[in-house]
Amino acid sequence: MHVDRLAKRYGSHHAVRDASFRVHAGTITGFLGPNGSGKTTTLRALLGLVRPTSGQAHVFGRRYRDLDHPARRVGAALGNASHPGRTARDHLLALARPLGVGRNRVEDVLATVGLDAAGDRVTGGFSLGMRGRLALATALLGDPELLVLDEPNSGLDPEGIHWLRSFLRGWAAQGRTALLSSHVLAEVAQTVDHVVIINQGRVVLDAPAAELGAAHGWVEVRSHDAARLAPLLAAEGLAPRRRGADGLALPGGAAELVGQVAARHGIALLELHTHSPDLEEVFFARTRPPTDDEPMHDEPMHDEPESVASARPLPAGTSGRGTGGRRQR
């Protein structure tokens, strides 16, 4: 899946602005953003439901509508719509017919999502979590290679959330791919391989999930010889900042080099600690608007020193990749 400089404008409103990112085969990508950030518009553009003002949104190297048998390659669940007077089984059978799949496949997907015992119940009596499972079953009907899911864990109880996580990890283990949007950040952090964050229509982060802590973290050092240690670290290309009488702060990923320099010069360390923000902290740092007395520029998260924030590597570019320009807190 490839989104390249995608833009969508409704009159004077820019829903998506110059957004670019990729979803690689065999991975689960979390597509995150506040309400109104452009997530759903981007997903709809990928599925051919809206026409971009400019740019491209391709799946398997082509527009969705140009794929041969698109529903057999891409399974999408952007909502939980079903006729309230129709049973779950009949709902799936009606959708299976134009796909050319039979009753056996319907029974398979009902069992996969845990609705086999509820197949003869009308969907109007389903809970929100059961409707979500039915939407996933609908997406699975064509046995696709790629899933596009909008809030798939909405309404699920803890057991259902655990089940969905296991299902998605198993899906990726088969070499298949998923793009999911969600507001449940703690669950996303346990599920995805890659994170894309969109805010005000622009992609402000596009990074592997495993690298978020290192890319956005910082290292704290305490030593009675901090004044002697600081210029030695600066000579190694680091940018230490004094914190109190015996503290230093440095960019994330510097802990090993700090230890080596201190040992080489016989400097005893009282503390050497890496602070790694979780996905929620990274999300809010990239999407929270500044307060009246807070300028819109690259500032540290929480009590992180300014020199650390400016020294750590951040994705950049004006095409929507990385920070998309100035970063917001």
Protein backbone atom coordinates (compact mmCIF):
# COMPACT_ATOMS: atom_id res chain seq x y z
CA MET A 1 0.00 0.00 0.00
CA HIS A 2 1.43 3.36 -1.02
CA VAL A 3 0.08 6.83 -0.31
CA ASP A 4 2.05 9.46 -2.21
CA ARG A 5 1.51 13.21 -1.67
CA LEU A 6 -2.21 12.60 -1.18
CA ALA A 7 -4.45 15.63 -0.77
CA LYS A 8 -8.22 15.91 -0.48
CA ARG A 9 -10.05 19.20 -0.26
CA TYR A 10 -13.75 19.80 0.32
CA GLY A 11 -14.31 23.39 -0.70
CA SER A 12 -11.98 25.45 1.47
CA HIS A 13 -11.46 22.60 3.96
CA HIS A 14 -8.29 20.55 3.53
CA ALA A 15 -9.09 17.09 4.91
CA VAL A 16 -5.74 15.61 3.86
CA ARG A 17 -2.63 17.62 3.00
CA ASP A 18 0.27 16.15 1.02
CA ALA A 19 0.31 12.87 2.98
CA SER A 20 2.79 10.11 2.14
CA PHE A 21 3.46 6.70 3.73
CA ARG A 22 3.83 3.05 2.85
CA VAL A 23 2.42 -0.14 4.36
CA HIS A 24 4.77 -3.05 3.78
CA ALA A 25 3.71 -6.64 3.16
CA GLY A 26 3.59 -8.91 6.20
CA THR A 27 3.24 -6.06 8.70
CA ILE A 28 0.53 -4.53 10.85
CA THR A 29 0.50 -0.75 10.61
CA GLY A 30 -1.34 1.45 13.08
CA PHE A 31 -2.86 4.54 11.48
CA LEU A 32 -3.46 7.00 14.29
CA GLY A 33 -4.73 10.52 14.72
CA PRO A 34 -7.25 12.68 16.58
CA ASN A 35 -10.84 12.96 15.39
CA GLY A 36 -10.95 15.02 12.22
CA SER A 37 -7.28 14.45 11.45
CA GLY A 38 -7.89 12.90 8.01
CA LYS A 39 -7.68 9.18 8.87
CA THR A 40 -11.03 8.12 7.45
CA THR A 41 -10.65 10.29 4.35
CA THR A 42 -7.29 8.66 3.65
CA LEU A 43 -8.73 5.17 4.11
CA ARG A 44 -11.66 6.00 1.82
CA ALA A 45 -9.24 7.32 -0.81
CA LEU A 46 -7.29 4.05 -0.64
CA LEU A 47 -10.49 2.12 -1.23
CA GLY A 48 -11.67 4.30 -4.10
CA LEU A 49 -14.57 5.75 -2.14
CA VAL A 50 -13.38 9.34 -2.55
CA ARG A 51 -11.37 10.85 -5.40
CA PRO A 52 -8.18 12.62 -4.28
CA THR A 53 -7.76 16.27 -5.16
CA SER A 54 -4.15 15.42 -5.95
CA GLY A 55 -1.64 12.68 -5.26
CA GLN A 56 -2.08 8.93 -5.31
CA ALA A 57 -3.36 6.16 -3.07
CA HIS A 58 -2.44 2.72 -4.42
CA VAL A 59 -2.84 -0.85 -3.24
CA PHE A 60 -0.67 -3.52 -4.84
CA GLY A 61 0.72 -0.81 -7.13
CA ARG A 62 -2.65 0.18 -8.60
CA ARG A 63 -5.77 2.12 -7.76
CA TYR A 64 -8.26 -0.04 -5.87
CA ARG A 65 -10.85 0.17 -8.64
CA ASP A 66 -8.28 -1.02 -11.20
CA LEU A 67 -7.55 -4.27 -9.33
CA ASP A 68 -8.84 -7.56 -10.68
CA HIS A 69 -11.33 -8.88 -8.08
CA PRO A 70 -10.44 -6.16 -5.54
CA ALA A 71 -12.53 -7.62 -2.69
CA ARG A 72 -10.51 -10.83 -2.97
CA ARG A 73 -7.29 -8.88 -2.44
CA VAL A 74 -8.39 -6.17 0.00
CA GLY A 75 -10.83 -6.76 2.85
CA ALA A 76 -12.19 -3.57 4.39
CA ALA A 77 -14.25 -2.80 7.46
CA LEU A 78 -14.92 0.94 7.77
CA GLY A 79 -18.14 0.53 9.72
CA ASN A 80 -20.53 -1.96 11.27
CA ALA A 81 -23.45 -1.61 8.86
CA SER A 82 -25.89 -4.51 8.51
CA HIS A 83 -29.65 -4.83 8.10
CA PRO A 84 -31.04 -5.07 11.66
CA GLY A 85 -33.67 -7.61 10.61
CA ARG A 86 -31.26 -9.95 8.88
CA THR A 87 -29.31 -12.71 10.60
CA ALA A 88 -25.54 -12.61 10.65
CA ARG A 89 -25.38 -15.66 8.39
CA ASP A 90 -27.81 -14.18 5.85
CA HIS A 91 -25.94 -10.88 5.91
CA LEU A 92 -22.71 -12.66 4.96
CA LEU A 93 -24.41 -14.88 2.37
CA ALA A 94 -25.83 -11.82 0.62
CA LEU A 95 -22.37 -10.26 0.43
CA ALA A 96 -20.67 -13.53 -0.52
CA ARG A 97 -22.71 -14.01 -3.69
CA PRO A 98 -21.18 -11.14 -5.75
CA LEU A 99 -17.73 -12.24 -4.55
CA GLY A 100 -18.30 -15.72 -5.91
CA VAL A 101 -17.70 -17.43 -2.57
CA GLY A 102 -19.98 -20.09 -1.14
CA ARG A 103 -21.64 -21.06 2.11
CA ASN A 104 -18.57 -22.90 3.37
CA ARG A 105 -16.58 -19.68 3.37
CA VAL A 106 -19.39 -17.94 5.26
CA GLU A 107 -19.28 -20.63 7.92
CA ASP A 108 -15.49 -20.36 8.07
CA VAL A 109 -15.45 -16.61 8.73
CA LEU A 110 -18.26 -16.86 11.29
CA ALA A 111 -16.15 -19.38 13.20
CA THR A 112 -12.99 -17.30 12.77
CA VAL A 113 -14.52 -14.23 14.43
CA GLY A 114 -16.33 -16.26 17.11
CA LEU A 115 -19.88 -15.75 15.82
CA ASP A 116 -20.66 -19.30 14.70
CA ALA A 117 -23.08 -19.75 17.60
CA ALA A 118 -24.77 -16.44 16.81
CA GLY A 119 -25.11 -16.92 13.06
CA ASP A 120 -28.90 -17.28 13.19
CA ARG A 121 -29.47 -14.21 15.39
CA VAL A 122 -30.67 -10.98 13.81
CA THR A 123 -27.97 -8.35 13.86
CA GLY A 124 -30.28 -5.71 15.31
CA GLY A 125 -29.85 -7.41 18.68
CA PHE A 126 -26.06 -7.57 18.48
CA SER A 127 -23.86 -5.71 20.93
CA LEU A 128 -21.36 -3.19 19.56
CA GLY A 129 -18.57 -5.74 19.98
CA MET A 130 -20.51 -8.41 18.07
CA ARG A 131 -21.16 -5.93 15.26
CA GLY A 132 -17.43 -5.28 15.10
CA ARG A 133 -16.76 -9.01 14.79
CA LEU A 134 -19.36 -9.23 12.01
CA ALA A 135 -17.67 -6.35 10.17
CA LEU A 136 -14.37 -8.22 10.38
CA ALA A 137 -16.05 -11.38 9.10
CA THR A 138 -17.32 -9.35 6.14
CA ALA A 139 -13.80 -8.14 5.40
CA LEU A 140 -12.51 -11.72 5.50
CA LEU A 141 -15.08 -13.15 3.06
CA GLY A 142 -12.85 -12.89 -0.02
CA ASP A 143 -9.81 -14.37 1.78
CA PRO A 144 -7.84 -11.18 1.09
CA GLU A 145 -4.12 -10.45 1.39
CA LEU A 146 -4.67 -7.02 2.95
CA LEU A 147 -7.07 -5.86 5.66
CA VAL A 148 -8.10 -2.23 6.14
CA LEU A 149 -9.84 -1.84 9.48
CA ASP A 150 -11.30 1.31 11.04
CA GLU A 151 -11.61 1.03 14.85
CA PRO A 152 -11.77 -2.81 14.83
CA ASN A 153 -11.65 -3.05 18.65
CA SER A 154 -14.56 -0.67 19.22
CA GLY A 155 -16.98 -2.22 21.70
CA LEU A 156 -14.88 -5.32 22.33
CA ASP A 157 -14.54 -6.55 25.90
CA PRO A 158 -11.06 -7.44 27.26
CA GLU A 159 -11.35 -11.01 26.00
CA GLY A 160 -12.36 -9.75 22.57
CA ILE A 161 -9.48 -7.27 22.45
CA HIS A 162 -7.04 -10.05 23.35
CA TRP A 163 -8.58 -12.24 20.66
CA LEU A 164 -8.26 -9.50 18.02
CA ARG A 165 -4.61 -8.91 18.92
CA SER A 166 -3.86 -12.63 18.57
CA PHE A 167 -5.77 -12.79 15.30
CA LEU A 168 -3.85 -9.87 13.79
CA ARG A 169 -0.47 -11.19 14.92
CA GLY A 170 -1.34 -14.56 13.36
CA TRP A 171 -2.48 -12.76 10.21
CA ALA A 172 0.90 -11.06 9.86
CA ALA A 173 2.71 -14.34 10.61
CA GLN A 174 1.06 -15.74 7.47
CA GLY A 175 2.73 -12.97 5.45
CA ARG A 176 -0.48 -10.97 5.17
CA THR A 177 -0.87 -7.27 5.85
CA ALA A 178 -3.17 -5.03 7.87
CA LEU A 179 -3.71 -1.30 8.21
CA LEU A 180 -5.82 -0.38 11.21
CA SER A 181 -6.92 2.88 12.73
CA SER A 182 -7.71 3.02 16.43
CA HIS A 183 -7.96 5.34 19.41
CA VAL A 184 -6.98 2.59 21.87
CA LEU A 185 -3.30 3.49 21.93
CA ALA A 186 -2.25 1.00 24.61
CA GLU A 187 -3.64 -1.86 22.52
CA VAL A 188 -2.14 -0.53 19.30
CA ALA A 189 1.28 -0.47 20.99
CA GLN A 190 0.98 -4.20 21.70
CA THR A 191 -0.21 -5.10 18.21
CA VAL A 192 1.43 -3.12 15.43
CA ASP A 193 4.83 -3.27 13.74
CA HIS A 194 4.73 0.25 12.33
CA VAL A 195 3.06 3.52 13.31
CA VAL A 196 1.77 6.33 11.11
CA ILE A 197 0.32 9.38 12.87
CA ILE A 198 -1.70 11.97 10.98
CA ASN A 199 -2.70 15.35 12.38
CA GLN A 200 -4.61 18.15 10.68
CA GLY A 201 -4.35 16.22 7.43
CA ARG A 202 -0.57 15.83 7.52
CA VAL A 203 1.53 12.78 8.37
CA VAL A 204 3.57 13.83 11.40
CA LEU A 205 5.18 10.47 12.20
CA ASP A 206 6.01 7.40 10.11
CA ALA A 207 8.25 4.98 12.00
CA PRO A 208 8.72 1.36 13.11
CA ALA A 209 7.02 0.80 16.46
CA ALA A 210 10.17 -0.73 17.93
CA GLU A 211 12.13 2.47 17.28
CA LEU A 212 9.75 4.97 18.88
CA GLY A 213 11.38 4.81 22.30
CA ALA A 214 14.92 5.17 20.98
CA ALA A 215 14.07 7.94 18.52
CA HIS A 216 12.13 10.01 21.06
CA GLY A 217 13.87 9.07 24.30
CA TRP A 218 16.70 10.74 26.15
CA VAL A 219 19.48 9.70 28.49
CA GLU A 220 19.99 11.06 32.00
CA VAL A 221 23.40 10.88 33.69
CA ARG A 222 24.32 11.75 37.26
CA SER A 223 27.91 12.05 38.45
CA HIS A 224 29.82 14.12 40.99
CA ASP A 225 32.20 14.81 38.07
CA ALA A 226 29.47 15.99 35.67
CA ALA A 227 31.37 19.21 34.96
CA ARG A 228 34.38 17.18 33.75
CA LEU A 229 32.27 14.62 31.91
CA ALA A 230 30.28 17.16 29.84
CA PRO A 231 33.14 18.41 27.61
CA LEU A 232 34.41 14.85 27.14
CA LEU A 233 30.99 13.83 25.82
CA ALA A 234 30.82 16.94 23.64
CA ALA A 235 34.16 15.90 22.12
CA GLU A 236 32.46 12.64 21.08
CA GLY A 237 29.84 14.57 19.11
CA LEU A 238 27.10 14.51 21.76
CA ALA A 239 25.23 17.55 23.04
CA PRO A 240 25.02 17.25 26.83
CA ARG A 241 22.95 19.69 28.85
CA ARG A 242 23.49 20.30 32.53
CA ARG A 243 20.67 19.31 34.87
CA GLY A 244 21.35 20.48 38.38
CA ALA A 245 24.71 20.26 40.07
CA ASP A 246 25.49 16.65 39.12
CA GLY A 247 23.23 15.83 36.16
CA LEU A 248 23.49 15.72 32.38
CA ALA A 249 20.94 14.93 29.70
CA LEU A 250 21.74 13.61 26.23
CA PRO A 251 19.93 12.28 23.16
CA GLY A 252 18.39 8.83 23.27
CA GLY A 253 20.71 6.01 22.27
CA ALA A 254 23.75 7.63 23.88
CA ALA A 255 23.86 5.50 27.05
CA GLU A 256 26.51 3.04 25.83
CA LEU A 257 28.85 5.78 24.62
CA VAL A 258 28.39 7.69 27.89
CA GLY A 259 29.39 4.60 29.87
CA GLN A 260 32.44 4.03 27.67
CA VAL A 261 33.64 7.63 27.98
CA ALA A 262 33.15 7.66 31.75
CA ALA A 263 35.06 4.39 32.16
CA ARG A 264 37.88 5.55 29.94
CA HIS A 265 38.44 8.65 32.07
CA GLY A 266 37.79 7.05 35.44
CA ILE A 267 34.59 9.00 36.12
CA ALA A 268 32.19 7.29 38.51
CA LEU A 269 28.51 7.42 37.50
CA LEU A 270 25.78 7.64 40.11
CA GLU A 271 23.04 7.06 37.55
CA LEU A 272 22.77 6.25 33.85
CA HIS A 273 19.20 5.92 32.69
CA THR A 274 17.36 5.99 29.35
CA HIS A 275 13.89 7.55 29.36
CA SER A 276 11.75 5.93 26.63
CA PRO A 277 8.30 7.46 26.06
CA ASP A 278 5.43 5.11 25.28
CA LEU A 279 3.18 5.40 22.23
CA GLU A 280 0.69 7.60 24.09
CA GLU A 281 3.39 10.15 24.96
CA VAL A 282 4.68 10.17 21.39
CA PHE A 283 1.13 10.53 20.04
CA PHE A 284 0.28 13.52 22.22
CA ALA A 285 3.65 15.15 21.59
CA ARG A 286 2.92 15.05 17.86
CA THR A 287 -0.79 15.98 17.93
CA ARG A 288 -1.51 18.15 20.97
CA PRO A 289 -1.93 21.81 20.01
CA PRO A 290 0.24 24.34 21.85
CA THR A 291 -1.21 26.39 24.69
CA ASP A 292 -1.40 30.17 24.47
CA ASP A 293 2.02 30.57 26.08
CA GLU A 294 3.59 27.62 24.25
CA PRO A 295 5.17 28.34 20.84
CA MET A 296 4.75 25.91 17.96
CA HIS A 297 8.28 24.62 17.55
CA ASP A 298 10.28 21.52 18.33
CA GLU A 299 10.24 21.35 22.12
CA PRO A 300 11.03 18.53 24.55
CA MET A 301 8.34 16.25 25.91
CA HIS A 302 7.61 16.70 29.62
CA ASP A 303 10.82 17.68 31.42
CA GLU A 304 13.12 16.65 28.56
CA PRO A 305 15.91 19.22 27.99
CA GLU A 306 15.66 21.38 24.90
CA SER A 307 19.10 20.37 23.60
CA VAL A 308 18.02 16.71 23.72
CA ALA A 309 14.91 17.42 21.69
CA SER A 310 16.85 19.34 19.07
CA ALA A 311 19.67 16.76 18.95
CA ARG A 312 17.60 13.60 18.54
CA PRO A 313 17.01 12.37 15.02
CA LEU A 314 13.54 13.13 13.69
CA PRO A 315 12.07 12.20 10.31
CA ALA A 316 11.70 15.25 8.14
CA GLY A 317 10.46 16.35 4.79
CA THR A 318 7.76 18.50 3.33
CA SER A 319 5.99 15.67 1.50
CA GLY A 320 4.12 14.62 4.61
CA ARG A 321 6.67 12.00 5.60
CA GLY A 322 8.04 12.29 9.10
CA THR A 323 7.26 15.53 10.86
CA GLY A 324 5.76 17.25 7.86
CA GLY A 325 7.47 20.49 8.85
CA ARG A 326 7.25 22.02 12.28
CA ARG A 327 6.32 19.59 14.98
CA GLN A 328 3.40 20.30 17.27
CA ARG A 329 3.10 19.44 20.90
